[in-house]
Each structure stands twice: as structure tokens, then as C-alpha cells.
Amino acid sequence: MGIGRTTSLSRMADLALTYPEIGATQRAELPEGYQHIERREVVGSGREDFERAAAAVFDWQAQRGSGLRVRATGPASQVGSLVLLTIGLPRLGLDIPCRVVWVVQQPDRRGFGYGTLPGHPESGEESFVVSLEPSGEVVFTMRAFARMASRLAKLGGPVSTHVPPLALGLYTRAIRRAAAGR
């Protein structure tokens, strides 16, 4: 896993998550000892925008729209789906392995959370949820808790801590485009 190596999804199947607070992005309070990130953005308006945004979330469009390559064993709407995200060149890229740990599929709220597997530069969880508010606004909420896990990430020091917020901005842009039907 990691730079210069390509991980296969089949080798990820038996890996354990790298953090104990599984599902914590669903809770009001994120666990202590991690960097916390939360972002809520209006990405559209009305039922149609909501349906498009929710479909995009479950089809990994936030990740694809941010420039990551996505290989997955299933949709994000399925607990247990494995996803291998890769940034960079195919053979020189950085593999980012995760597993879907929870899913919400309610009429006006849909999304999922995934957790890190060994080889991920961080240890923690991210969630991506779209909701249709009573006002008609479509809101995309991302929550994460993470700490650096790999030597490469730790060597990146302060630079590494700026990557997750940047990624959240790209995820939001991708879901906003999807909600608008683009």
C-alpha cells in the first residue's frame, strides 16, 4: 500500500480498521485526540437537487470529482464496501484504503461514513451526508476525525494538516455540480 505500490481490493477484505471509534462521525461529539473537521454547505434546492446529490454521494462522485481515482467493491450505500482511492500517477500514486462503516438512507437524509484501513496516511473516519432541509435547501455535510498515521504524512508535518480541508472543498464542489445536474 502507498507510494509506488498498487493495493488490490481483495487484499483489503480482511484488514481491520485503524481506529477504535467506529461510527463516531454519526455522533454529536467527535472523539478526542484527533483533528476534527466539519463542513456544511448548501449545494442546491428542492427534491430533484437532493436526489441527484444523494445519488452522487453513493456513487463516489465527491471523491472522483476531487481528482481521486476510485476502485470499490460496491456502492457507498452498502456497509462493508471497500474503496481504494488513489491520488497521483497510477503506479506512483498514493493508495488510500477505506471501508464503509455506516449508511443512512432516510427520505430527506442520505449518506455514509468510511473508516481508514492500514496503509491510509491517516487514522480516522469521514462522513458524507446530504439532507433536504424543511426550507428546501439541499445541504451537504462532511465530518471527519483523523490523525496522521503514516511516516510520509507525519513527515509532511504542517502541510499534511492542510490536505483534509482542501479535499473537503473539492468534495463540496463535486456534489454541488451533481445536484445541479452537471
Protein backbone atom coordinates (compact mmCIF):
# COMPACT_ATOMS: atom_id res chain seq x y z
CA MET A 1 0.00 0.00 0.00
CA GLY A 2 1.13 3.53 -0.54
CA ILE A 3 3.51 5.21 -2.94
CA GLY A 4 4.82 3.09 -5.79
CA ARG A 5 2.59 0.13 -4.96
CA THR A 6 -0.87 -0.74 -6.06
CA THR A 7 -3.09 -2.40 -3.50
CA SER A 8 -5.79 -4.78 -4.59
CA LEU A 9 -9.28 -4.66 -3.16
CA SER A 10 -9.14 -8.40 -2.46
CA ARG A 11 -6.13 -7.92 -0.15
CA MET A 12 -8.07 -5.29 1.81
CA ALA A 13 -11.00 -7.56 2.68
CA ASP A 14 -9.60 -8.90 5.97
CA LEU A 15 -7.91 -5.72 7.18
CA ALA A 16 -9.07 -4.20 10.44
CA LEU A 17 -9.92 -0.52 10.75
CA THR A 18 -7.09 1.59 12.18
CA TYR A 19 -9.09 3.35 14.91
CA PRO A 20 -11.45 2.14 17.67
CA GLU A 21 -14.21 4.82 17.49
CA ILE A 22 -16.12 3.20 14.62
CA GLY A 23 -19.20 5.17 13.59
CA ALA A 24 -18.26 8.25 15.60
CA THR A 25 -18.94 10.66 12.71
CA GLN A 26 -22.64 9.96 13.36
CA ARG A 27 -22.42 11.22 16.93
CA ALA A 28 -22.76 14.81 18.13
CA GLU A 29 -19.28 14.82 19.69
CA LEU A 30 -16.26 13.64 17.73
CA PRO A 31 -13.64 11.65 19.68
CA GLU A 32 -10.77 13.37 21.46
CA GLY A 33 -7.19 13.00 20.29
CA TYR A 34 -7.88 13.69 16.61
CA GLN A 35 -8.06 16.68 14.30
CA HIS A 36 -11.77 17.46 13.77
CA ILE A 37 -13.23 18.85 10.59
CA GLU A 38 -16.85 19.69 9.88
CA ARG A 39 -18.20 21.48 6.84
CA ARG A 40 -21.82 22.19 5.95
CA GLU A 41 -22.63 23.74 2.59
CA VAL A 42 -25.83 24.44 0.69
CA VAL A 43 -25.42 22.68 -2.66
CA GLY A 44 -28.88 23.03 -4.16
CA SER A 45 -32.58 23.48 -3.62
CA GLY A 46 -35.54 21.15 -3.85
CA ARG A 47 -36.23 17.43 -4.13
CA GLU A 48 -34.62 16.97 -7.56
CA ASP A 49 -31.33 18.53 -6.46
CA PHE A 50 -31.45 16.41 -3.30
CA GLU A 51 -31.99 13.17 -5.26
CA ARG A 52 -29.13 13.98 -7.67
CA ALA A 53 -26.78 14.93 -4.82
CA ALA A 54 -27.63 11.79 -2.82
CA ALA A 55 -27.09 9.56 -5.86
CA ALA A 56 -23.73 11.25 -6.45
CA VAL A 57 -22.65 10.71 -2.84
CA PHE A 58 -23.47 7.00 -3.05
CA ASP A 59 -21.67 6.71 -6.42
CA TRP A 60 -18.36 8.08 -5.04
CA GLN A 61 -18.74 11.32 -7.07
CA ALA A 62 -17.32 13.51 -4.28
CA GLN A 63 -14.12 11.52 -4.40
CA ARG A 64 -13.96 11.29 -8.20
CA GLY A 65 -14.75 14.99 -8.54
CA SER A 66 -11.82 15.85 -6.29
CA GLY A 67 -9.39 14.11 -8.63
CA LEU A 68 -9.10 10.79 -6.82
CA ARG A 69 -9.22 7.53 -8.73
CA VAL A 70 -11.83 5.23 -7.20
CA ARG A 71 -11.89 1.45 -7.15
CA ALA A 72 -14.62 -0.06 -4.97
CA THR A 73 -16.25 -3.39 -4.25
CA GLY A 74 -19.67 -1.77 -4.22
CA PRO A 75 -21.57 1.47 -3.82
CA ALA A 76 -21.06 3.70 -0.80
CA SER A 77 -24.66 2.86 0.16
CA GLN A 78 -23.54 -0.59 1.32
CA VAL A 79 -21.92 -1.10 4.73
CA GLY A 80 -18.72 -3.09 4.25
CA SER A 81 -17.94 -1.79 0.75
CA LEU A 82 -14.22 -1.37 0.31
CA VAL A 83 -12.87 1.60 -1.56
CA LEU A 84 -9.33 2.20 -2.70
CA LEU A 85 -8.79 5.85 -3.52
CA THR A 86 -5.59 6.79 -5.33
CA ILE A 87 -4.06 10.20 -5.77
CA GLY A 88 -1.25 10.78 -8.24
CA LEU A 89 0.06 8.65 -11.07
CA PRO A 90 -1.25 5.09 -11.40
CA ARG A 91 1.97 3.32 -10.31
CA LEU A 92 3.45 6.18 -8.30
CA GLY A 93 0.30 7.32 -6.61
CA LEU A 94 -0.69 7.17 -3.00
CA ASP A 95 -3.26 4.49 -2.17
CA ILE A 96 -5.90 5.47 0.37
CA PRO A 97 -7.81 2.37 1.55
CA CYS A 98 -11.15 2.69 3.40
CA ARG A 99 -14.24 0.68 4.35
CA VAL A 100 -17.83 1.95 4.58
CA VAL A 101 -18.79 1.63 8.27
CA TRP A 102 -22.27 3.16 8.36
CA VAL A 103 -25.03 4.28 5.99
CA VAL A 104 -28.12 6.44 6.43
CA GLN A 105 -30.97 6.18 3.90
CA GLN A 106 -33.90 8.25 5.07
CA PRO A 107 -36.35 10.13 2.83
CA ASP A 108 -34.66 13.50 3.46
CA ARG A 109 -31.19 12.41 4.65
CA ARG A 110 -28.73 10.09 2.89
CA GLY A 111 -25.07 9.38 3.18
CA PHE A 112 -22.32 7.26 4.64
CA GLY A 113 -19.18 7.19 6.69
CA TYR A 114 -15.97 5.35 5.90
CA GLY A 115 -13.03 4.45 8.05
CA THR A 116 -9.35 4.09 7.39
CA LEU A 117 -7.58 0.80 6.79
CA PRO A 118 -3.85 0.03 7.14
CA GLY A 119 -1.87 1.92 4.50
CA HIS A 120 -4.03 5.05 4.73
CA PRO A 121 -1.90 8.11 5.58
CA GLU A 122 -4.37 8.98 8.35
CA SER A 123 -6.27 7.08 11.00
CA GLY A 124 -9.92 8.02 11.49
CA GLU A 125 -13.27 8.41 9.76
CA GLU A 126 -15.01 10.71 7.27
CA SER A 127 -18.71 11.05 6.57
CA PHE A 128 -20.66 12.49 3.64
CA VAL A 129 -24.35 13.23 4.16
CA VAL A 130 -26.88 15.10 2.02
CA SER A 131 -30.07 16.40 3.61
CA LEU A 132 -33.16 18.12 2.30
CA GLU A 133 -33.99 20.77 4.89
CA PRO A 134 -37.60 21.91 5.60
CA SER A 135 -36.66 25.21 3.89
CA GLY A 136 -35.98 23.29 0.66
CA GLU A 137 -32.22 23.79 0.85
CA VAL A 138 -30.06 20.80 -0.01
CA VAL A 139 -27.19 20.65 2.48
CA PHE A 140 -24.03 18.58 2.09
CA THR A 141 -22.33 17.88 5.42
CA MET A 142 -18.90 16.37 5.80
CA ARG A 143 -17.47 15.42 9.18
CA ALA A 144 -14.13 13.88 9.92
CA PHE A 145 -11.79 13.00 12.72
CA ALA A 146 -8.28 11.91 11.87
CA ARG A 147 -4.68 11.91 12.94
CA MET A 148 -1.58 11.28 10.89
CA ALA A 149 -0.77 7.57 10.70
CA SER A 150 1.95 7.05 8.10
CA ARG A 151 5.55 8.20 8.23
CA LEU A 152 5.01 10.10 5.00
CA ALA A 153 2.06 12.02 6.47
CA LYS A 154 3.97 12.72 9.69
CA LEU A 155 6.97 13.94 7.69
CA GLY A 156 4.63 16.32 5.87
CA GLY A 157 4.00 17.97 9.23
CA PRO A 158 2.02 21.22 8.94
CA VAL A 159 1.49 20.71 5.19
CA SER A 160 -0.32 17.39 5.86
CA THR A 161 -2.85 19.10 8.13
CA HIS A 162 -3.96 21.36 5.25
CA VAL A 163 -4.81 18.49 2.90
CA PRO A 164 -8.11 17.33 4.52
CA PRO A 165 -9.74 20.81 4.48
CA LEU A 166 -8.67 21.24 0.85
CA ALA A 167 -10.20 17.89 -0.06
CA LEU A 168 -13.48 18.85 1.63
CA GLY A 169 -13.70 21.93 -0.59
CA LEU A 170 -13.24 19.77 -3.69
CA TYR A 171 -15.81 17.25 -2.46
CA THR A 172 -18.34 20.07 -1.95
CA ARG A 173 -17.75 21.43 -5.43
CA ALA A 174 -18.31 17.97 -6.95
CA ILE A 175 -21.60 17.44 -5.09
CA ARG A 176 -22.79 20.95 -5.92
CA ARG A 177 -22.21 20.20 -9.64
CA ALA A 178 -24.04 16.88 -9.31
CA ALA A 179 -27.01 18.50 -7.52
CA ALA A 180 -27.28 20.97 -10.40
CA GLY A 181 -27.30 18.13 -12.94
CA ARG A 182 -23.87 18.91 -14.35
